[in-house]
């Protein structure tokens, strides 16, 4: 199992969660939790981690104006294992939008 953390976690159709970590086993997300302190063996990913439905092309993702959320929505929490974590970097964190050089990479446990 591997933990990844980022400045923001993006949930399409919902918005952003600030400073979150995800626990990944293989290519499955096991849990999402707030990063309130340093967690051993957590890999910091500068930028944004998006949780996408399996098979959704990351290249077509729209980061339309989205709110910053207080907590993980219930419907997302219930479907974590069906989502794919994708890391986007570099990313303009001030306006929560990708920049011209933004690339994406699917995250998997090491």
C-alpha atoms as a PDB file:
ATOM      1  CA  UNK A   1       0.000   0.000   0.000  1.00  0.00           C
ATOM      2  CA  UNK A   2       1.174   3.535  -0.788  1.00  0.00           C
ATOM      3  CA  UNK A   3      -0.061   6.885   0.453  1.00  0.00           C
ATOM      4  CA  UNK A   4       0.006   9.952  -1.780  1.00  0.00           C
ATOM      5  CA  UNK A   5      -0.758  13.497  -0.647  1.00  0.00           C
ATOM      6  CA  UNK A   6      -1.282  16.726  -2.582  1.00  0.00           C
ATOM      7  CA  UNK A   7      -2.208  20.364  -2.178  1.00  0.00           C
ATOM      8  CA  UNK A   8      -5.687  19.554  -3.485  1.00  0.00           C
ATOM      9  CA  UNK A   9      -7.798  16.498  -4.238  1.00  0.00           C
ATOM     10  CA  UNK A  10     -10.233  17.120  -7.117  1.00  0.00           C
ATOM     11  CA  UNK A  11     -13.568  15.314  -7.230  1.00  0.00           C
ATOM     12  CA  UNK A  12     -15.233  15.893 -10.628  1.00  0.00           C
ATOM     13  CA  UNK A  13     -18.770  17.133 -10.213  1.00  0.00           C
ATOM     14  CA  UNK A  14     -18.150  18.092  -6.577  1.00  0.00           C
ATOM     15  CA  UNK A  15     -15.085  20.288  -6.123  1.00  0.00           C
ATOM     16  CA  UNK A  16     -11.742  20.317  -4.334  1.00  0.00           C
ATOM     17  CA  UNK A  17     -10.616  19.098  -0.930  1.00  0.00           C
ATOM     18  CA  UNK A  18      -7.566  20.873   0.470  1.00  0.00           C
ATOM     19  CA  UNK A  19      -4.488  18.937   1.688  1.00  0.00           C
ATOM     20  CA  UNK A  20      -5.716  15.381   1.467  1.00  0.00           C
ATOM     21  CA  UNK A  21      -3.996  12.013   1.281  1.00  0.00           C
ATOM     22  CA  UNK A  22      -5.113   8.860  -0.450  1.00  0.00           C
ATOM     23  CA  UNK A  23      -4.139   5.304   0.330  1.00  0.00           C
ATOM     24  CA  UNK A  24      -3.702   3.193  -2.809  1.00  0.00           C
ATOM     25  CA  UNK A  25      -3.280  -0.567  -3.111  1.00  0.00           C
ATOM     26  CA  UNK A  26      -2.379  -1.634  -6.650  1.00  0.00           C
ATOM     27  CA  UNK A  27      -4.525   0.754  -8.655  1.00  0.00           C
ATOM     28  CA  UNK A  28      -7.423   0.835  -6.147  1.00  0.00           C
ATOM     29  CA  UNK A  29      -8.104   3.649  -3.708  1.00  0.00           C
ATOM     30  CA  UNK A  30      -8.623   2.265  -0.190  1.00  0.00           C
ATOM     31  CA  UNK A  31      -9.250   5.502   1.692  1.00  0.00           C
ATOM     32  CA  UNK A  32      -9.056   9.295   1.626  1.00  0.00           C
ATOM     33  CA  UNK A  33      -8.093  11.294   4.698  1.00  0.00           C
ATOM     34  CA  UNK A  34      -7.078  14.853   5.640  1.00  0.00           C
ATOM     35  CA  UNK A  35      -3.353  15.441   5.867  1.00  0.00           C
ATOM     36  CA  UNK A  36      -3.204  17.114   9.264  1.00  0.00           C
ATOM     37  CA  UNK A  37       0.260  15.866  10.220  1.00  0.00           C
ATOM     38  CA  UNK A  38       3.222  14.147   8.628  1.00  0.00           C
ATOM     39  CA  UNK A  39       2.358  10.534   7.848  1.00  0.00           C
ATOM     40  CA  UNK A  40       5.151   7.992   7.480  1.00  0.00           C
ATOM     41  CA  UNK A  41       5.759   6.686   3.937  1.00  0.00           C
ATOM     42  CA  UNK A  42       3.504   9.274   2.289  1.00  0.00           C
ATOM     43  CA  UNK A  43       4.655  10.600  -1.081  1.00  0.00           C
ATOM     44  CA  UNK A  44       3.979  14.304  -1.564  1.00  0.00           C
ATOM     45  CA  UNK A  45       2.727  15.108  -5.077  1.00  0.00           C
ATOM     46  CA  UNK A  46       3.001  18.830  -5.834  1.00  0.00           C
ATOM     47  CA  UNK A  47      -0.157  19.806  -7.670  1.00  0.00           C
ATOM     48  CA  UNK A  48      -3.555  18.105  -7.738  1.00  0.00           C
ATOM     49  CA  UNK A  49      -4.730  14.510  -7.494  1.00  0.00           C
ATOM     50  CA  UNK A  50      -8.038  13.899  -9.276  1.00  0.00           C
ATOM     51  CA  UNK A  51     -10.241  10.889  -8.545  1.00  0.00           C
ATOM     52  CA  UNK A  52     -11.719   9.847 -11.879  1.00  0.00           C
ATOM     53  CA  UNK A  53     -14.206   7.134 -12.784  1.00  0.00           C
ATOM     54  CA  UNK A  54     -12.313   4.108 -14.136  1.00  0.00           C
ATOM     55  CA  UNK A  55     -11.799   4.417 -17.881  1.00  0.00           C
ATOM     56  CA  UNK A  56     -12.390   8.178 -17.996  1.00  0.00           C
ATOM     57  CA  UNK A  57      -9.734   9.910 -20.117  1.00  0.00           C
ATOM     58  CA  UNK A  58      -7.788  12.363 -17.950  1.00  0.00           C
ATOM     59  CA  UNK A  59      -7.020  14.507 -20.986  1.00  0.00           C
ATOM     60  CA  UNK A  60     -10.686  15.561 -21.284  1.00  0.00           C
ATOM     61  CA  UNK A  61     -11.176  16.452 -17.610  1.00  0.00           C
ATOM     62  CA  UNK A  62     -12.618  19.907 -17.011  1.00  0.00           C
ATOM     63  CA  UNK A  63     -11.600  21.749 -13.855  1.00  0.00           C
ATOM     64  CA  UNK A  64     -14.551  24.103 -14.230  1.00  0.00           C
ATOM     65  CA  UNK A  65     -14.983  26.624 -11.414  1.00  0.00           C
ATOM     66  CA  UNK A  66     -15.342  24.415  -8.388  1.00  0.00           C
ATOM     67  CA  UNK A  67     -15.774  25.036  -4.699  1.00  0.00           C
ATOM     68  CA  UNK A  68     -13.410  23.977  -1.952  1.00  0.00           C
ATOM     69  CA  UNK A  69     -15.287  21.376   0.093  1.00  0.00           C
ATOM     70  CA  UNK A  70     -15.188  20.753   3.838  1.00  0.00           C
ATOM     71  CA  UNK A  71     -15.404  16.968   3.644  1.00  0.00           C
ATOM     72  CA  UNK A  72     -15.519  14.009   1.274  1.00  0.00           C
ATOM     73  CA  UNK A  73     -19.045  13.699  -0.214  1.00  0.00           C
ATOM     74  CA  UNK A  74     -20.865  10.532   0.851  1.00  0.00           C
ATOM     75  CA  UNK A  75     -21.460   9.338  -2.735  1.00  0.00           C
ATOM     76  CA  UNK A  76     -17.712   9.590  -3.466  1.00  0.00           C
ATOM     77  CA  UNK A  77     -16.780   7.775  -0.242  1.00  0.00           C
ATOM     78  CA  UNK A  78     -19.048   4.881  -1.242  1.00  0.00           C
ATOM     79  CA  UNK A  79     -17.366   4.436  -4.635  1.00  0.00           C
ATOM     80  CA  UNK A  80     -13.641   4.963  -3.820  1.00  0.00           C
ATOM     81  CA  UNK A  81     -12.566   1.537  -5.090  1.00  0.00           C
ATOM     82  CA  UNK A  82     -14.111   2.317  -8.492  1.00  0.00           C
ATOM     83  CA  UNK A  83     -12.143   5.544  -8.926  1.00  0.00           C
ATOM     84  CA  UNK A  84      -8.712   6.059 -10.449  1.00  0.00           C
ATOM     85  CA  UNK A  85      -6.221   8.522  -8.899  1.00  0.00           C
ATOM     86  CA  UNK A  86      -4.552  10.773 -11.477  1.00  0.00           C
ATOM     87  CA  UNK A  87      -1.888  13.346 -10.590  1.00  0.00           C
ATOM     88  CA  UNK A  88      -1.832  16.680 -12.466  1.00  0.00           C
ATOM     89  CA  UNK A  89       1.315  18.832 -12.365  1.00  0.00           C
ATOM     90  CA  UNK A  90       2.268  21.639 -12.732  1.00  0.00           C
ATOM     91  CA  UNK A  91      -0.988  23.224 -11.639  1.00  0.00           C
ATOM     92  CA  UNK A  92      -1.965  26.810 -10.797  1.00  0.00           C
ATOM     93  CA  UNK A  93      -3.114  26.347  -7.203  1.00  0.00           C
ATOM     94  CA  UNK A  94      -4.239  29.963  -6.796  1.00  0.00           C
ATOM     95  CA  UNK A  95      -7.037  29.614  -9.350  1.00  0.00           C
ATOM     96  CA  UNK A  96      -7.206  25.791  -9.235  1.00  0.00           C
ATOM     97  CA  UNK A  97      -6.636  25.393 -12.991  1.00  0.00           C
ATOM     98  CA  UNK A  98      -4.094  23.485 -15.095  1.00  0.00           C
ATOM     99  CA  UNK A  99      -1.439  25.461 -16.947  1.00  0.00           C
ATOM    100  CA  UNK A 100      -0.193  24.961 -20.512  1.00  0.00           C
ATOM    101  CA  UNK A 101       2.537  22.550 -19.327  1.00  0.00           C
ATOM    102  CA  UNK A 102       0.277  20.419 -17.115  1.00  0.00           C
ATOM    103  CA  UNK A 103       0.778  16.685 -17.522  1.00  0.00           C
ATOM    104  CA  UNK A 104      -1.112  13.828 -15.895  1.00  0.00           C
ATOM    105  CA  UNK A 105       0.035  10.488 -14.485  1.00  0.00           C
ATOM    106  CA  UNK A 106      -2.026   7.667 -13.022  1.00  0.00           C
ATOM    107  CA  UNK A 107      -0.948   6.890  -9.458  1.00  0.00           C
ATOM    108  CA  UNK A 108      -0.372   3.283  -8.382  1.00  0.00           C
ATOM    109  CA  UNK A 109       1.079   1.767  -5.247  1.00  0.00           C
ATOM    110  CA  UNK A 110       4.785   1.005  -5.336  1.00  0.00           C
END
